[in-house]
Protein backbone atom coordinates (compact mmCIF):
# COMPACT_ATOMS: atom_id res chain seq x y z
CA MET A 1 -56.38 108.84 162.14
CA GLN A 2 -53.67 106.18 162.22
CA LYS A 3 -55.36 102.95 161.07
CA ALA A 4 -57.90 102.10 158.38
CA ILE A 5 -59.04 99.08 156.39
CA ILE A 6 -61.74 98.01 153.93
CA GLY A 7 -63.86 94.94 154.53
CA LYS A 8 -67.01 93.01 153.73
CA LYS A 9 -69.87 92.58 156.20
CA ILE A 10 -70.42 88.87 156.87
CA GLY A 11 -73.32 89.02 159.31
CA MET A 12 -74.25 89.21 163.00
CA THR A 13 -73.73 86.66 165.74
CA GLN A 14 -73.01 86.65 169.47
CA ILE A 15 -70.01 85.76 171.59
CA PHE A 16 -69.41 85.45 175.32
CA ASP A 17 -66.96 87.61 177.29
CA GLU A 18 -64.82 86.50 180.25
CA LYS A 19 -67.72 87.03 182.67
CA GLY A 20 -70.12 84.94 180.57
CA ASN A 21 -72.12 87.91 179.28
CA VAL A 22 -73.56 87.68 175.78
CA VAL A 23 -72.15 90.32 173.39
CA PRO A 24 -73.91 90.89 170.03
CA VAL A 25 -71.29 91.38 167.32
CA THR A 26 -71.04 92.00 163.59
CA VAL A 27 -68.37 89.96 161.82
CA VAL A 28 -66.42 91.74 159.07
CA GLU A 29 -63.97 90.17 156.65
CA ALA A 30 -61.36 92.93 156.89
CA GLY A 31 -58.72 92.95 154.19
CA PRO A 32 -56.21 92.05 153.13
CA CYS A 33 -55.94 95.47 151.48
CA VAL A 34 -53.12 96.80 149.33
CA VAL A 35 -51.82 100.37 149.34
CA SER A 36 -52.51 101.37 145.73
CA GLN A 37 -51.66 105.09 145.91
CA ILE A 38 -50.22 107.66 148.29
CA LYS A 39 -51.41 111.24 147.82
CA THR A 40 -49.15 114.09 148.87
CA VAL A 41 -49.55 117.84 149.29
CA GLU A 42 -47.10 118.48 146.45
CA ASN A 43 -48.96 116.39 143.87
CA ASP A 44 -52.57 116.39 145.09
CA GLY A 45 -52.94 119.23 147.56
CA TYR A 46 -53.60 116.95 150.53
CA GLU A 47 -52.26 113.81 152.17
CA ALA A 48 -54.13 110.52 151.99
CA VAL A 49 -53.64 106.79 151.48
CA GLN A 50 -55.65 104.85 148.91
CA LEU A 51 -56.40 101.21 149.72
CA GLY A 52 -57.64 98.54 147.33
CA TYR A 53 -59.76 95.55 148.37
CA GLY A 54 -61.24 92.55 146.59
CA ASP A 55 -59.77 90.77 143.59
CA ILE A 56 -61.34 91.23 140.16
CA LYS A 57 -62.06 88.10 138.17
CA LEU A 58 -60.34 89.11 134.96
CA LYS A 59 -61.83 88.27 131.59
CA VAL A 60 -59.51 88.59 128.61
CA GLN A 61 -60.90 88.89 125.10
CA ASN A 62 -58.65 87.86 122.23
CA GLY A 63 -59.31 88.20 118.55
CA SER A 64 -62.46 89.56 116.99
CA GLY A 65 -65.60 88.30 115.37
CA LYS A 66 -69.24 89.04 114.73
CA GLY A 67 -70.94 90.36 117.84
CA LYS A 68 -67.66 90.92 119.67
CA ARG A 69 -66.06 94.22 120.49
CA VAL A 70 -62.90 94.70 118.46
CA ARG A 71 -59.96 95.97 120.50
CA SER A 72 -56.81 97.53 119.17
CA GLU A 73 -53.66 95.44 118.99
CA LYS A 74 -52.20 97.39 121.91
CA PHE A 75 -54.99 96.46 124.33
CA LYS A 76 -56.25 93.14 122.96
CA ASN A 77 -54.75 91.08 125.82
CA ASP A 78 -55.96 93.35 128.64
CA PRO A 79 -58.99 92.44 130.76
CA VAL A 80 -62.31 93.64 129.34
CA ASN A 81 -64.16 94.05 132.65
CA ILE A 82 -62.10 97.04 133.83
CA THR A 83 -61.72 100.49 132.28
CA LYS A 84 -58.43 101.46 130.64
CA PRO A 85 -57.79 104.43 132.99
CA LEU A 86 -58.31 102.23 136.06
CA LEU A 87 -56.21 99.44 134.56
CA GLY A 88 -53.42 101.94 133.92
CA HIS A 89 -53.69 103.13 137.53
CA PHE A 90 -52.90 99.61 138.79
CA LYS A 91 -50.28 98.88 136.13
CA LYS A 92 -48.39 102.06 137.01
CA ASN A 93 -47.76 100.73 140.52
CA ASP A 94 -47.48 97.06 139.48
CA ILE A 95 -50.54 96.05 141.54
CA ALA A 96 -53.19 93.48 140.68
CA PRO A 97 -56.56 95.17 139.89
CA LYS A 98 -58.92 95.54 142.86
CA SER A 99 -62.69 95.86 142.86
CA THR A 100 -62.93 98.52 145.60
CA LEU A 101 -60.82 101.62 146.21
CA ARG A 102 -61.12 103.93 149.21
CA GLU A 103 -59.11 106.92 150.43
CA PHE A 104 -58.24 107.56 154.06
CA ARG A 105 -56.71 110.68 155.59
CA VAL A 106 -54.02 109.36 157.91
CA ALA A 107 -51.86 111.30 160.33
CA ASP A 108 -48.56 110.04 158.93
CA ILE A 109 -48.39 108.88 155.31
CA SER A 110 -44.69 108.04 155.74
CA ALA A 111 -45.78 104.89 157.56
CA TYR A 112 -47.18 103.53 154.26
CA SER A 113 -45.56 102.52 150.99
CA ILE A 114 -47.16 101.54 147.69
CA GLY A 115 -47.70 97.79 147.64
CA ASP A 116 -47.91 97.41 151.43
CA ILE A 117 -50.53 94.93 152.66
CA VAL A 118 -52.92 96.01 155.43
CA LYS A 119 -54.49 93.11 157.34
CA ALA A 120 -57.04 92.70 160.11
CA ASP A 121 -54.31 92.64 162.76
CA ALA A 122 -53.88 96.39 162.23
CA PHE A 123 -56.67 96.62 164.83
CA ALA A 124 -56.69 95.10 168.30
CA GLU A 125 -59.29 94.10 170.84
CA GLY A 126 -60.71 97.13 172.62
CA ASP A 127 -60.01 99.63 169.84
CA LYS A 128 -62.63 102.32 169.26
CA ILE A 129 -63.59 102.60 165.59
CA ASP A 130 -65.95 104.29 163.13
CA VAL A 131 -67.59 102.14 160.45
CA THR A 132 -68.92 103.57 157.18
CA GLY A 133 -71.13 101.67 154.77
CA LYS A 134 -74.06 101.95 152.39
CA SER A 135 -77.38 101.42 154.15
CA LYS A 136 -79.97 98.94 152.93
CA GLY A 137 -82.12 100.29 150.11
CA LYS A 138 -85.84 100.20 150.93
CA GLY A 139 -87.22 101.69 147.73
CA TYR A 140 -90.03 104.26 147.63
CA ALA A 141 -91.44 104.87 151.11
CA GLY A 142 -94.18 107.06 152.54
CA VAL A 143 -93.69 109.80 155.10
CA ILE A 144 -94.58 107.59 158.08
CA LYS A 145 -91.90 105.00 157.32
CA ARG A 146 -89.39 107.52 155.96
CA TRP A 147 -89.72 110.39 158.46
CA ASN A 148 -91.75 108.91 161.37
CA PHE A 149 -94.78 111.15 160.70
CA HIS A 150 -97.91 110.66 162.82
CA ARG A 151 -101.09 109.37 161.22
CA LEU A 152 -103.86 111.85 160.45
CA LYS A 153 -107.29 111.68 161.99
CA GLU A 154 -109.37 108.83 160.67
CA SER A 155 -112.63 110.80 160.92
CA HIS A 156 -114.14 114.22 160.22
CA GLY A 157 -113.07 114.60 156.64
CA SER A 158 -109.35 113.88 156.74
CA GLY A 159 -109.67 110.76 154.56
CA PRO A 160 -109.73 108.84 152.38
CA VAL A 161 -106.28 107.87 153.70
CA ALA A 162 -104.61 108.65 157.03
CA ARG A 163 -100.99 107.93 156.09
CA HIS A 164 -100.29 110.77 153.66
CA GLY A 165 -98.20 113.83 154.48
CA GLY A 166 -100.98 116.33 154.98
CA SER A 167 -100.58 120.01 154.11
CA MET A 168 -97.48 121.01 152.15
CA GLY A 169 -97.47 124.59 153.50
CA ALA A 170 -99.08 128.01 153.00
CA CYS A 171 -101.20 128.83 149.93
CA SER A 172 -100.42 132.34 148.69
CA THR A 173 -97.02 132.91 150.31
CA PRO A 174 -94.62 131.60 149.17
CA SER A 175 -96.91 129.73 146.73
CA ARG A 176 -94.52 126.82 146.47
CA VAL A 177 -93.19 123.88 148.46
CA TRP A 178 -89.98 124.66 150.31
CA LYS A 179 -86.86 122.84 149.15
CA GLY A 180 -85.97 120.03 151.57
CA LYS A 181 -89.57 119.47 152.67
CA LYS A 182 -89.97 116.05 154.27
CA MET A 183 -92.05 114.06 151.83
CA ALA A 184 -92.38 110.52 150.49
CA GLY A 185 -89.49 109.26 148.39
CA HIS A 186 -86.54 106.91 148.13
CA LEU A 187 -85.44 105.50 151.48
CA GLY A 188 -82.03 104.03 152.30
CA ALA A 189 -79.11 103.20 149.97
CA GLU A 190 -77.08 106.12 151.32
CA LYS A 191 -73.73 106.56 153.03
CA VAL A 192 -74.00 106.00 156.79
CA THR A 193 -71.32 106.17 159.49
CA VAL A 194 -71.71 104.63 162.94
CA GLN A 195 -69.23 106.07 165.43
CA ASN A 196 -67.51 104.85 168.59
CA LEU A 197 -67.96 101.12 168.10
CA THR A 198 -65.70 98.67 169.90
CA VAL A 199 -63.55 95.88 168.45
CA VAL A 200 -64.40 92.78 170.48
CA LYS A 201 -62.18 90.20 168.77
CA VAL A 202 -59.65 89.98 165.94
CA ASP A 203 -58.95 86.75 164.03
CA ALA A 204 -55.84 87.67 162.06
CA GLU A 205 -55.47 84.20 160.54
CA ASN A 206 -58.88 84.40 158.83
CA ASN A 207 -58.94 88.23 158.38
CA LEU A 208 -62.00 88.63 160.58
CA ILE A 209 -62.93 91.45 162.97
CA ALA A 210 -65.85 91.14 165.43
CA ILE A 211 -67.41 94.55 166.17
CA LYS A 212 -69.80 95.12 169.05
CA GLY A 213 -73.29 96.08 167.83
CA ALA A 214 -74.68 96.66 164.35
CA ILE A 215 -73.06 98.36 161.36
CA PRO A 216 -74.65 99.79 158.20
CA GLY A 217 -75.52 97.78 155.12
CA PRO A 218 -76.62 94.29 154.11
CA ASN A 219 -74.59 91.12 154.47
CA GLY A 220 -71.94 91.17 151.77
CA GLY A 221 -71.83 94.98 151.71
CA ILE A 222 -68.51 96.85 151.60
CA VAL A 223 -67.59 98.82 154.73
CA ALA A 224 -64.69 101.09 155.70
CA ILE A 225 -63.23 100.81 159.21
CA ARG A 226 -61.09 103.59 160.71
CA ASP A 227 -59.99 104.93 164.09
CA SER A 228 -62.78 106.71 165.94
CA VAL A 229 -62.61 110.50 165.66
CA LYS A 230 -64.24 110.90 169.09
CA ALA A 231 -62.31 108.31 171.08
């Protein structure tokens, strides 16, 4: 992988190509991202680049009083909405705190330096990419919605409902439900990667990338864009 960036899903729209065909696209606000750390084999056992995206609205708490958390003199002027270890991580490299951090395994880490800015123009029209995001959470769902089960018979004693999962397995052997059995439960809100998508348009001035088709997650969700592993 050579290129990667973090962005925020804006929403879907459509654009027209040179032949007048309608192309459905997802618009992503990609970057600007800052290189916040470079991992090497010597220090970390592998090579990777860490990117930071999204500014944190810093809140600074000074002094103390009833109902307020008292901070030591050393940290009293530091922001209170970020942990001390994470704040130290950014201070070490003299970088403004970012709300999102992601690691990417790149082919050549020498092309990056701490503090470099990665913008949307890292990608070009026609590039093949993989997009990773967190899918929409749908809460507790039954087996039909979650696993596409068929309905049961609605007659001859299968009731009173036809949308449940049916038999869970044998009775005496193994006398338990197998681990991983497809049953009702929480649906969505998991990491999803869609591969081999195409970059249709790049607006470097506004940090926007238009990607053909749909990508995971709701509008406003954080996504990671990287070179396609199958292209």
